[in-house]
Structure formats: C-alpha cells, structure tokens
Amino acid sequence: SIDESHPVATNKFSGALVFTVDVTHLVSKVAAKIMSGKTGYAWVI
C-alpha cells in the first residue's frame, strides 16, 4: 500500500497479523439460540 510517507510501494515482507478467536463465543452465540420443536438443540464439531 502507499500513503504520504510512502508514495511508492516497496513490495517487501513486513510481518504477520494474528487474530486470536474465541471459538466458543463465535459458535455459541448462534448455536445456543437454535431450538427445534420444544426441546431440540444444536451442536457443532
């Protein structure tokens, strides 16, 4: 990318970005709301 300080892209390797994701929160906020019939539920593997 370019900006005022770097008007020309160097195409050099800079590093790595890492997202640490809480999978339990990511999945449960959807799966916990699933209700099939009166007592059915969802599970994820």
All heavy atoms as atom14 arrays in JSON, in Angstrom:
{
  "sequence": "SIDESHPVATNKFSGALVFTVDVTHLVSKVAAKIMSGKTGYAWVI",
  "atom14_mask": [
    [1, 1, 1, 1, 1, 1, 0, 0, 0, 0, 0, 0, 0, 0],
    [1, 1, 1, 1, 1, 1, 1, 1, 0, 0, 0, 0, 0, 0],
    [1, 1, 1, 1, 1, 1, 1, 1, 0, 0, 0, 0, 0, 0],
    [1, 1, 1, 1, 1, 1, 1, 1, 1, 0, 0, 0, 0, 0],
    [1, 1, 1, 1, 1, 1, 0, 0, 0, 0, 0, 0, 0, 0],
    [1, 1, 1, 1, 1, 1, 1, 1, 1, 1, 0, 0, 0, 0],
    [1, 1, 1, 1, 1, 1, 1, 0, 0, 0, 0, 0, 0, 0],
    [1, 1, 1, 1, 1, 1, 1, 0, 0, 0, 0, 0, 0, 0],
    [1, 1, 1, 1, 1, 0, 0, 0, 0, 0, 0, 0, 0, 0],
    [1, 1, 1, 1, 1, 1, 1, 0, 0, 0, 0, 0, 0, 0],
    [1, 1, 1, 1, 1, 1, 1, 1, 0, 0, 0, 0, 0, 0],
    [1, 1, 1, 1, 1, 1, 1, 1, 1, 0, 0, 0, 0, 0],
    [1, 1, 1, 1, 1, 1, 1, 1, 1, 1, 1, 0, 0, 0],
    [1, 1, 1, 1, 1, 1, 0, 0, 0, 0, 0, 0, 0, 0],
    [1, 1, 1, 1, 0, 0, 0, 0, 0, 0, 0, 0, 0, 0],
    [1, 1, 1, 1, 1, 0, 0, 0, 0, 0, 0, 0, 0, 0],
    [1, 1, 1, 1, 1, 1, 1, 1, 0, 0, 0, 0, 0, 0],
    [1, 1, 1, 1, 1, 1, 1, 0, 0, 0, 0, 0, 0, 0],
    [1, 1, 1, 1, 1, 1, 1, 1, 1, 1, 1, 0, 0, 0],
    [1, 1, 1, 1, 1, 1, 1, 0, 0, 0, 0, 0, 0, 0],
    [1, 1, 1, 1, 1, 1, 1, 0, 0, 0, 0, 0, 0, 0],
    [1, 1, 1, 1, 1, 1, 1, 1, 0, 0, 0, 0, 0, 0],
    [1, 1, 1, 1, 1, 1, 1, 0, 0, 0, 0, 0, 0, 0],
    [1, 1, 1, 1, 1, 1, 1, 0, 0, 0, 0, 0, 0, 0],
    [1, 1, 1, 1, 1, 1, 1, 1, 1, 1, 0, 0, 0, 0],
    [1, 1, 1, 1, 1, 1, 1, 1, 0, 0, 0, 0, 0, 0],
    [1, 1, 1, 1, 1, 1, 1, 0, 0, 0, 0, 0, 0, 0],
    [1, 1, 1, 1, 1, 1, 0, 0, 0, 0, 0, 0, 0, 0],
    [1, 1, 1, 1, 1, 1, 1, 1, 1, 0, 0, 0, 0, 0],
    [1, 1, 1, 1, 1, 1, 1, 0, 0, 0, 0, 0, 0, 0],
    [1, 1, 1, 1, 1, 0, 0, 0, 0, 0, 0, 0, 0, 0],
    [1, 1, 1, 1, 1, 0, 0, 0, 0, 0, 0, 0, 0, 0],
    [1, 1, 1, 1, 1, 1, 1, 1, 1, 0, 0, 0, 0, 0],
    [1, 1, 1, 1, 1, 1, 1, 1, 0, 0, 0, 0, 0, 0],
    [1, 1, 1, 1, 1, 1, 1, 1, 0, 0, 0, 0, 0, 0],
    [1, 1, 1, 1, 1, 1, 0, 0, 0, 0, 0, 0, 0, 0],
    [1, 1, 1, 1, 0, 0, 0, 0, 0, 0, 0, 0, 0, 0],
    [1, 1, 1, 1, 1, 1, 1, 1, 1, 0, 0, 0, 0, 0],
    [1, 1, 1, 1, 1, 1, 1, 0, 0, 0, 0, 0, 0, 0],
    [1, 1, 1, 1, 0, 0, 0, 0, 0, 0, 0, 0, 0, 0],
    [1, 1, 1, 1, 1, 1, 1, 1, 1, 1, 1, 1, 0, 0],
    [1, 1, 1, 1, 1, 0, 0, 0, 0, 0, 0, 0, 0, 0],
    [1, 1, 1, 1, 1, 1, 1, 1, 1, 1, 1, 1, 1, 1],
    [1, 1, 1, 1, 1, 1, 1, 0, 0, 0, 0, 0, 0, 0],
    [1, 1, 1, 1, 1, 1, 1, 1, 0, 0, 0, 0, 0, 0]
  ],
  "atom14_positions": [
    [[0.84, -1.2, 0.0], [0.0, 0.0, 0.0], [0.88, 1.25, 0.0], [2.09, 1.19, 0.29], [-0.92, 0.0, 1.23], [-1.73, -1.14, 1.23], [0.0, 0.0, 0.0], [0.0, 0.0, 0.0], [0.0, 0.0, 0.0], [0.0, 0.0, 0.0], [0.0, 0.0, 0.0], [0.0, 0.0, 0.0], [0.0, 0.0, 0.0], [0.0, 0.0, 0.0]],
    [[0.26, 2.4, -0.29], [1.0, 3.67, -0.33], [0.28, 4.69, 0.54], [-0.93, 4.6, 0.77], [1.15, 4.2, -1.77], [-0.24, 4.43, -2.4], [1.98, 3.24, -2.61], [-0.19, 5.07, -3.77], [0.0, 0.0, 0.0], [0.0, 0.0, 0.0], [0.0, 0.0, 0.0], [0.0, 0.0, 0.0], [0.0, 0.0, 0.0], [0.0, 0.0, 0.0]],
    [[1.04, 5.66, 1.05], [0.48, 6.8, 1.74], [1.43, 7.98, 1.49], [2.34, 7.9, 0.65], [0.27, 6.51, 3.22], [1.59, 6.15, 3.93], [2.65, 6.21, 3.29], [1.53, 5.78, 5.12], [0.0, 0.0, 0.0], [0.0, 0.0, 0.0], [0.0, 0.0, 0.0], [0.0, 0.0, 0.0], [0.0, 0.0, 0.0], [0.0, 0.0, 0.0]],
    [[1.24, 9.07, 2.23], [2.06, 10.26, 2.01], [3.53, 9.98, 2.29], [4.41, 10.5, 1.61], [1.57, 11.4, 2.9], [0.18, 11.89, 2.53], [-0.28, 13.02, 3.43], [0.48, 13.37, 4.35], [-1.39, 13.56, 3.2], [0.0, 0.0, 0.0], [0.0, 0.0, 0.0], [0.0, 0.0, 0.0], [0.0, 0.0, 0.0], [0.0, 0.0, 0.0]],
    [[3.8, 9.16, 3.3], [5.19, 8.87, 3.66], [5.82, 7.85, 2.72], [7.04, 7.77, 2.59], [5.28, 8.35, 5.1], [4.74, 9.3, 5.99], [0.0, 0.0, 0.0], [0.0, 0.0, 0.0], [0.0, 0.0, 0.0], [0.0, 0.0, 0.0], [0.0, 0.0, 0.0], [0.0, 0.0, 0.0], [0.0, 0.0, 0.0], [0.0, 0.0, 0.0]],
    [[5.0, 7.07, 2.08], [5.5, 6.01, 1.19], [4.71, 6.05, -0.1], [3.77, 5.26, -0.3], [5.36, 4.63, 1.86], [6.04, 4.54, 3.19], [5.44, 4.96, 4.37], [7.29, 4.09, 3.52], [6.26, 4.75, 5.37], [7.41, 4.23, 4.89], [0.0, 0.0, 0.0], [0.0, 0.0, 0.0], [0.0, 0.0, 0.0], [0.0, 0.0, 0.0]],
    [[5.04, 6.97, -0.97], [4.28, 7.14, -2.23], [4.48, 5.97, -3.19], [3.69, 5.81, -4.12], [4.83, 8.44, -2.81], [6.19, 8.57, -2.19], [6.12, 7.97, -0.85], [0.0, 0.0, 0.0], [0.0, 0.0, 0.0], [0.0, 0.0, 0.0], [0.0, 0.0, 0.0], [0.0, 0.0, 0.0], [0.0, 0.0, 0.0], [0.0, 0.0, 0.0]],
    [[5.51, 5.19, -2.96], [5.76, 4.04, -3.85], [5.84, 2.8, -2.98], [6.58, 2.75, -1.99], [7.07, 4.22, -4.65], [7.31, 2.99, -5.53], [7.0, 5.49, -5.49], [0.0, 0.0, 0.0], [0.0, 0.0, 0.0], [0.0, 0.0, 0.0], [0.0, 0.0, 0.0], [0.0, 0.0, 0.0], [0.0, 0.0, 0.0], [0.0, 0.0, 0.0]],
    [[5.07, 1.76, -3.35], [5.09, 0.51, -2.6], [6.41, -0.21, -2.79], [6.92, -0.29, -3.92], [3.93, -0.38, -3.04], [0.0, 0.0, 0.0], [0.0, 0.0, 0.0], [0.0, 0.0, 0.0], [0.0, 0.0, 0.0], [0.0, 0.0, 0.0], [0.0, 0.0, 0.0], [0.0, 0.0, 0.0], [0.0, 0.0, 0.0], [0.0, 0.0, 0.0]],
    [[6.97, -0.74, -1.7], [8.27, -1.44, -1.77], [8.12, -2.93, -2.06], [9.09, -3.58, -2.44], [9.02, -1.26, -0.44], [8.27, -1.91, 0.6], [9.19, 0.2, -0.1], [0.0, 0.0, 0.0], [0.0, 0.0, 0.0], [0.0, 0.0, 0.0], [0.0, 0.0, 0.0], [0.0, 0.0, 0.0], [0.0, 0.0, 0.0], [0.0, 0.0, 0.0]],
    [[6.91, -3.47, -1.81], [6.64, -4.91, -2.0], [7.56, -5.78, -1.16], [7.89, -6.92, -1.54], [6.75, -5.3, -3.48], [5.6, -4.74, -4.29], [4.44, -4.81, -3.86], [5.91, -4.17, -5.44], [0.0, 0.0, 0.0], [0.0, 0.0, 0.0], [0.0, 0.0, 0.0], [0.0, 0.0, 0.0], [0.0, 0.0, 0.0], [0.0, 0.0, 0.0]],
    [[7.99, -5.26, -0.03], [8.82, -6.06, 0.87], [7.94, -6.73, 1.93], [6.87, -6.24, 2.28], [9.86, -5.17, 1.56], [10.92, -4.62, 0.62], [11.92, -3.76, 1.4], [12.99, -3.18, 0.46], [13.96, -2.34, 1.23], [0.0, 0.0, 0.0], [0.0, 0.0, 0.0], [0.0, 0.0, 0.0], [0.0, 0.0, 0.0], [0.0, 0.0, 0.0]],
    [[8.44, -7.83, 2.45], [7.74, -8.54, 3.52], [7.88, -7.76, 4.82], [8.97, -7.38, 5.21], [8.3, -9.96, 3.69], [7.68, -10.71, 4.83], [6.32, -11.06, 4.81], [8.43, -11.07, 5.94], [5.75, -11.77, 5.85], [7.86, -11.77, 7.0], [6.52, -12.12, 6.95], [0.0, 0.0, 0.0], [0.0, 0.0, 0.0], [0.0, 0.0, 0.0]],
    [[6.73, -7.53, 5.51], [6.73, -6.71, 6.71], [6.51, -7.54, 7.98], [7.07, -7.23, 9.02], [5.63, -5.64, 6.62], [5.64, -4.84, 7.77], [0.0, 0.0, 0.0], [0.0, 0.0, 0.0], [0.0, 0.0, 0.0], [0.0, 0.0, 0.0], [0.0, 0.0, 0.0], [0.0, 0.0, 0.0], [0.0, 0.0, 0.0], [0.0, 0.0, 0.0]],
    [[5.68, -8.57, 7.9], [5.42, -9.37, 9.11], [4.14, -10.17, 8.94], [3.73, -10.5, 7.83], [0.0, 0.0, 0.0], [0.0, 0.0, 0.0], [0.0, 0.0, 0.0], [0.0, 0.0, 0.0], [0.0, 0.0, 0.0], [0.0, 0.0, 0.0], [0.0, 0.0, 0.0], [0.0, 0.0, 0.0], [0.0, 0.0, 0.0], [0.0, 0.0, 0.0]],
    [[3.49, -10.48, 10.07], [2.27, -11.3, 10.06], [1.28, -10.75, 11.07], [1.65, -10.32, 12.15], [2.59, -12.76, 10.38], [0.0, 0.0, 0.0], [0.0, 0.0, 0.0], [0.0, 0.0, 0.0], [0.0, 0.0, 0.0], [0.0, 0.0, 0.0], [0.0, 0.0, 0.0], [0.0, 0.0, 0.0], [0.0, 0.0, 0.0], [0.0, 0.0, 0.0]],
    [[-0.01, -10.76, 10.68], [-1.1, -10.36, 11.56], [-1.8, -11.61, 12.09], [-2.06, -12.55, 11.33], [-2.11, -9.49, 10.83], [-1.9, -7.98, 10.87], [-2.91, -7.3, 9.98], [-2.0, -7.45, 12.3], [0.0, 0.0, 0.0], [0.0, 0.0, 0.0], [0.0, 0.0, 0.0], [0.0, 0.0, 0.0], [0.0, 0.0, 0.0], [0.0, 0.0, 0.0]],
    [[-2.15, -11.6, 13.4], [-2.77, -12.77, 14.02], [-4.01, -12.33, 14.79], [-3.92, -11.42, 15.62], [-1.79, -13.49, 14.98], [-2.46, -14.75, 15.56], [-0.51, -13.85, 14.26], [0.0, 0.0, 0.0], [0.0, 0.0, 0.0], [0.0, 0.0, 0.0], [0.0, 0.0, 0.0], [0.0, 0.0, 0.0], [0.0, 0.0, 0.0], [0.0, 0.0, 0.0]],
    [[-5.15, -12.96, 14.47], [-6.37, -12.8, 15.27], [-6.49, -14.02, 16.17], [-6.48, -15.16, 15.69], [-7.62, -12.74, 14.38], [-7.91, -11.37, 13.82], [-6.98, -10.35, 13.9], [-9.13, -11.11, 13.2], [-7.26, -9.1, 13.38], [-9.41, -9.87, 12.66], [-8.47, -8.86, 12.75], [0.0, 0.0, 0.0], [0.0, 0.0, 0.0], [0.0, 0.0, 0.0]],
    [[-6.59, -13.79, 17.48], [-6.89, -14.9, 18.4], [-8.4, -14.9, 18.64], [-8.94, -13.95, 19.2], [-6.15, -14.72, 19.73], [-4.74, -14.7, 19.47], [-6.46, -15.87, 20.69], [0.0, 0.0, 0.0], [0.0, 0.0, 0.0], [0.0, 0.0, 0.0], [0.0, 0.0, 0.0], [0.0, 0.0, 0.0], [0.0, 0.0, 0.0], [0.0, 0.0, 0.0]],
    [[-9.08, -15.97, 18.19], [-10.54, -16.01, 18.16], [-11.05, -16.98, 19.23], [-10.6, -18.12, 19.31], [-11.05, -16.45, 16.77], [-12.58, -16.44, 16.75], [-10.49, -15.53, 15.69], [0.0, 0.0, 0.0], [0.0, 0.0, 0.0], [0.0, 0.0, 0.0], [0.0, 0.0, 0.0], [0.0, 0.0, 0.0], [0.0, 0.0, 0.0], [0.0, 0.0, 0.0]],
    [[-12.01, -16.51, 20.03], [-12.72, -17.37, 21.0], [-13.78, -18.15, 20.22], [-14.88, -17.65, 19.95], [-13.35, -16.5, 22.08], [-14.06, -17.34, 23.14], [-14.28, -18.53, 22.92], [-14.4, -16.77, 24.18], [0.0, 0.0, 0.0], [0.0, 0.0, 0.0], [0.0, 0.0, 0.0], [0.0, 0.0, 0.0], [0.0, 0.0, 0.0], [0.0, 0.0, 0.0]],
    [[-13.46, -19.39, 19.84], [-14.37, -20.2, 19.02], [-15.66, -20.49, 19.78], [-16.74, -20.52, 19.19], [-13.68, -21.51, 18.6], [-14.63, -22.39, 17.8], [-12.43, -21.21, 17.79], [0.0, 0.0, 0.0], [0.0, 0.0, 0.0], [0.0, 0.0, 0.0], [0.0, 0.0, 0.0], [0.0, 0.0, 0.0], [0.0, 0.0, 0.0], [0.0, 0.0, 0.0]],
    [[-15.55, -20.69, 21.09], [-16.76, -20.98, 21.89], [-17.76, -19.84, 21.77], [-18.95, -20.06, 21.55], [-16.37, -21.19, 23.36], [-15.4, -22.23, 23.45], [-17.6, -21.57, 24.18], [0.0, 0.0, 0.0], [0.0, 0.0, 0.0], [0.0, 0.0, 0.0], [0.0, 0.0, 0.0], [0.0, 0.0, 0.0], [0.0, 0.0, 0.0], [0.0, 0.0, 0.0]],
    [[-17.27, -18.61, 21.89], [-18.17, -17.45, 21.76], [-18.7, -17.34, 20.34], [-19.89, -17.1, 20.13], [-17.4, -16.18, 22.15], [-18.18, -14.93, 21.91], [-19.13, -14.46, 22.79], [-18.16, -14.05, 20.85], [-19.66, -13.35, 22.31], [-19.1, -13.08, 21.15], [0.0, 0.0, 0.0], [0.0, 0.0, 0.0], [0.0, 0.0, 0.0], [0.0, 0.0, 0.0]],
    [[-17.82, -17.52, 19.36], [-18.2, -17.39, 17.96], [-19.33, -18.34, 17.59], [-20.29, -17.95, 16.91], [-16.96, -17.66, 17.07], [-17.2, -17.65, 15.56], [-17.45, -16.25, 15.08], [-16.0, -18.25, 14.84], [0.0, 0.0, 0.0], [0.0, 0.0, 0.0], [0.0, 0.0, 0.0], [0.0, 0.0, 0.0], [0.0, 0.0, 0.0], [0.0, 0.0, 0.0]],
    [[-19.24, -19.58, 18.06], [-20.22, -20.6, 17.69], [-21.46, -20.53, 18.56], [-22.59, -20.6, 18.07], [-19.57, -22.01, 17.77], [-20.63, -23.09, 17.54], [-18.45, -22.14, 16.76], [0.0, 0.0, 0.0], [0.0, 0.0, 0.0], [0.0, 0.0, 0.0], [0.0, 0.0, 0.0], [0.0, 0.0, 0.0], [0.0, 0.0, 0.0], [0.0, 0.0, 0.0]],
    [[-21.27, -20.35, 19.89], [-22.4, -20.44, 20.81], [-23.38, -19.29, 20.63], [-24.57, -19.45, 20.9], [-21.9, -20.48, 22.26], [-21.23, -19.28, 22.59], [0.0, 0.0, 0.0], [0.0, 0.0, 0.0], [0.0, 0.0, 0.0], [0.0, 0.0, 0.0], [0.0, 0.0, 0.0], [0.0, 0.0, 0.0], [0.0, 0.0, 0.0], [0.0, 0.0, 0.0]],
    [[-22.92, -18.12, 20.19], [-23.85, -17.01, 20.04], [-24.89, -17.28, 18.95], [-25.94, -16.64, 18.92], [-23.09, -15.71, 19.76], [-22.45, -15.59, 18.39], [-21.62, -14.32, 18.29], [-20.98, -14.13, 16.91], [-21.96, -13.8, 15.89], [0.0, 0.0, 0.0], [0.0, 0.0, 0.0], [0.0, 0.0, 0.0], [0.0, 0.0, 0.0], [0.0, 0.0, 0.0]],
    [[-24.59, -18.26, 18.08], [-25.56, -18.69, 17.08], [-26.23, -19.98, 17.51], [-27.46, -20.1, 17.56], [-24.89, -18.88, 15.7], [-25.89, -19.43, 14.69], [-24.3, -17.58, 15.21], [0.0, 0.0, 0.0], [0.0, 0.0, 0.0], [0.0, 0.0, 0.0], [0.0, 0.0, 0.0], [0.0, 0.0, 0.0], [0.0, 0.0, 0.0], [0.0, 0.0, 0.0]],
    [[-25.43, -21.01, 17.87], [-25.97, -22.34, 18.15], [-26.86, -22.36, 19.38], [-27.82, -23.12, 19.44], [-24.82, -23.34, 18.31], [0.0, 0.0, 0.0], [0.0, 0.0, 0.0], [0.0, 0.0, 0.0], [0.0, 0.0, 0.0], [0.0, 0.0, 0.0], [0.0, 0.0, 0.0], [0.0, 0.0, 0.0], [0.0, 0.0, 0.0], [0.0, 0.0, 0.0]],
    [[-26.53, -21.55, 20.4], [-27.31, -21.58, 21.64], [-28.74, -21.11, 21.43], [-29.62, -21.42, 22.23], [-26.62, -20.73, 22.7], [0.0, 0.0, 0.0], [0.0, 0.0, 0.0], [0.0, 0.0, 0.0], [0.0, 0.0, 0.0], [0.0, 0.0, 0.0], [0.0, 0.0, 0.0], [0.0, 0.0, 0.0], [0.0, 0.0, 0.0], [0.0, 0.0, 0.0]],
    [[-28.97, -20.33, 20.36], [-30.31, -19.81, 20.11], [-31.17, -20.76, 19.28], [-32.35, -20.5, 19.09], [-30.2, -18.46, 19.39], [-29.5, -17.38, 20.21], [-29.37, -16.1, 19.41], [-28.63, -15.01, 20.2], [-28.46, -13.78, 19.42], [0.0, 0.0, 0.0], [0.0, 0.0, 0.0], [0.0, 0.0, 0.0], [0.0, 0.0, 0.0], [0.0, 0.0, 0.0]],
    [[-30.6, -21.84, 18.79], [-31.34, -22.78, 17.94], [-32.24, -23.64, 18.82], [-31.79, -24.25, 19.77], [-30.38, -23.67, 17.13], [-29.52, -22.8, 16.19], [-31.17, -24.7, 16.33], [-30.3, -22.03, 15.17], [0.0, 0.0, 0.0], [0.0, 0.0, 0.0], [0.0, 0.0, 0.0], [0.0, 0.0, 0.0], [0.0, 0.0, 0.0], [0.0, 0.0, 0.0]],
    [[-33.51, -23.68, 18.5], [-34.47, -24.52, 19.23], [-35.33, -25.25, 18.22], [-36.07, -24.64, 17.45], [-35.34, -23.65, 20.14], [-36.43, -24.42, 20.85], [-35.81, -25.52, 22.14], [-35.51, -24.31, 23.43], [0.0, 0.0, 0.0], [0.0, 0.0, 0.0], [0.0, 0.0, 0.0], [0.0, 0.0, 0.0], [0.0, 0.0, 0.0], [0.0, 0.0, 0.0]],
    [[-35.22, -26.57, 18.21], [-36.01, -27.39, 17.3], [-37.16, -27.99, 18.07], [-36.95, -28.73, 19.03], [-35.14, -28.5, 16.7], [-35.93, -29.35, 15.88], [0.0, 0.0, 0.0], [0.0, 0.0, 0.0], [0.0, 0.0, 0.0], [0.0, 0.0, 0.0], [0.0, 0.0, 0.0], [0.0, 0.0, 0.0], [0.0, 0.0, 0.0], [0.0, 0.0, 0.0]],
    [[-38.39, -27.68, 17.67], [-39.54, -28.16, 18.42], [-39.56, -27.52, 19.79], [-39.28, -26.34, 19.96], [0.0, 0.0, 0.0], [0.0, 0.0, 0.0], [0.0, 0.0, 0.0], [0.0, 0.0, 0.0], [0.0, 0.0, 0.0], [0.0, 0.0, 0.0], [0.0, 0.0, 0.0], [0.0, 0.0, 0.0], [0.0, 0.0, 0.0], [0.0, 0.0, 0.0]],
    [[-39.86, -28.32, 20.81], [-39.93, -27.81, 22.18], [-38.62, -27.97, 22.92], [-38.29, -27.17, 23.79], [-41.05, -28.51, 22.95], [-42.44, -28.22, 22.41], [-43.5, -28.95, 23.23], [-44.9, -28.66, 22.71], [-45.93, -29.38, 23.49], [0.0, 0.0, 0.0], [0.0, 0.0, 0.0], [0.0, 0.0, 0.0], [0.0, 0.0, 0.0], [0.0, 0.0, 0.0]],
    [[-37.84, -29.04, 22.6], [-36.65, -29.33, 23.4], [-35.4, -29.56, 22.57], [-34.34, -29.83, 23.12], [-36.89, -30.57, 24.28], [-37.14, -31.71, 23.43], [-38.09, -30.37, 25.2], [0.0, 0.0, 0.0], [0.0, 0.0, 0.0], [0.0, 0.0, 0.0], [0.0, 0.0, 0.0], [0.0, 0.0, 0.0], [0.0, 0.0, 0.0], [0.0, 0.0, 0.0]],
    [[-35.51, -29.52, 21.24], [-34.35, -29.79, 20.39], [-33.29, -28.7, 20.49], [-33.58, -27.55, 20.86], [0.0, 0.0, 0.0], [0.0, 0.0, 0.0], [0.0, 0.0, 0.0], [0.0, 0.0, 0.0], [0.0, 0.0, 0.0], [0.0, 0.0, 0.0], [0.0, 0.0, 0.0], [0.0, 0.0, 0.0], [0.0, 0.0, 0.0], [0.0, 0.0, 0.0]],
    [[-32.05, -29.03, 20.14], [-30.95, -28.08, 20.23], [-29.91, -28.4, 19.16], [-30.04, -29.36, 18.4], [-30.31, -28.11, 21.62], [-29.83, -29.48, 22.06], [-28.6, -29.99, 21.63], [-30.61, -30.26, 22.89], [-28.16, -31.24, 22.02], [-30.18, -31.52, 23.29], [-28.94, -32.01, 22.85], [-28.5, -33.25, 23.23], [0.0, 0.0, 0.0], [0.0, 0.0, 0.0]],
    [[-28.86, -27.58, 19.1], [-27.81, -27.74, 18.09], [-26.49, -28.05, 18.77], [-26.27, -27.68, 19.93], [-27.68, -26.47, 17.26], [0.0, 0.0, 0.0], [0.0, 0.0, 0.0], [0.0, 0.0, 0.0], [0.0, 0.0, 0.0], [0.0, 0.0, 0.0], [0.0, 0.0, 0.0], [0.0, 0.0, 0.0], [0.0, 0.0, 0.0], [0.0, 0.0, 0.0]],
    [[-25.61, -28.78, 18.05], [-24.21, -28.95, 18.49], [-23.3, -28.86, 17.28], [-23.72, -29.09, 16.15], [-23.99, -30.23, 19.28], [-24.57, -31.5, 18.72], [-25.75, -32.07, 19.03], [-23.95, -32.4, 17.76], [-25.93, -33.25, 18.36], [-24.84, -33.48, 17.58], [-22.75, -32.39, 17.06], [-24.57, -34.54, 16.7], [-22.47, -33.45, 16.19], [-23.38, -34.5, 16.02]],
    [[-22.04, -28.46, 17.53], [-21.09, -28.16, 16.45], [-19.79, -28.91, 16.71], [-19.32, -28.97, 17.85], [-20.82, -26.64, 16.36], [-19.87, -26.34, 15.2], [-22.12, -25.87, 16.22], [0.0, 0.0, 0.0], [0.0, 0.0, 0.0], [0.0, 0.0, 0.0], [0.0, 0.0, 0.0], [0.0, 0.0, 0.0], [0.0, 0.0, 0.0], [0.0, 0.0, 0.0]],
    [[-19.22, -29.51, 15.63], [-17.91, -30.14, 15.73], [-17.0, -29.53, 14.67], [-17.46, -29.01, 13.64], [-17.98, -31.67, 15.54], [-18.58, -32.01, 14.17], [-18.78, -32.32, 16.65], [-18.57, -33.5, 13.85], [0.0, 0.0, 0.0], [0.0, 0.0, 0.0], [0.0, 0.0, 0.0], [0.0, 0.0, 0.0], [0.0, 0.0, 0.0], [0.0, 0.0, 0.0]]
  ]
}
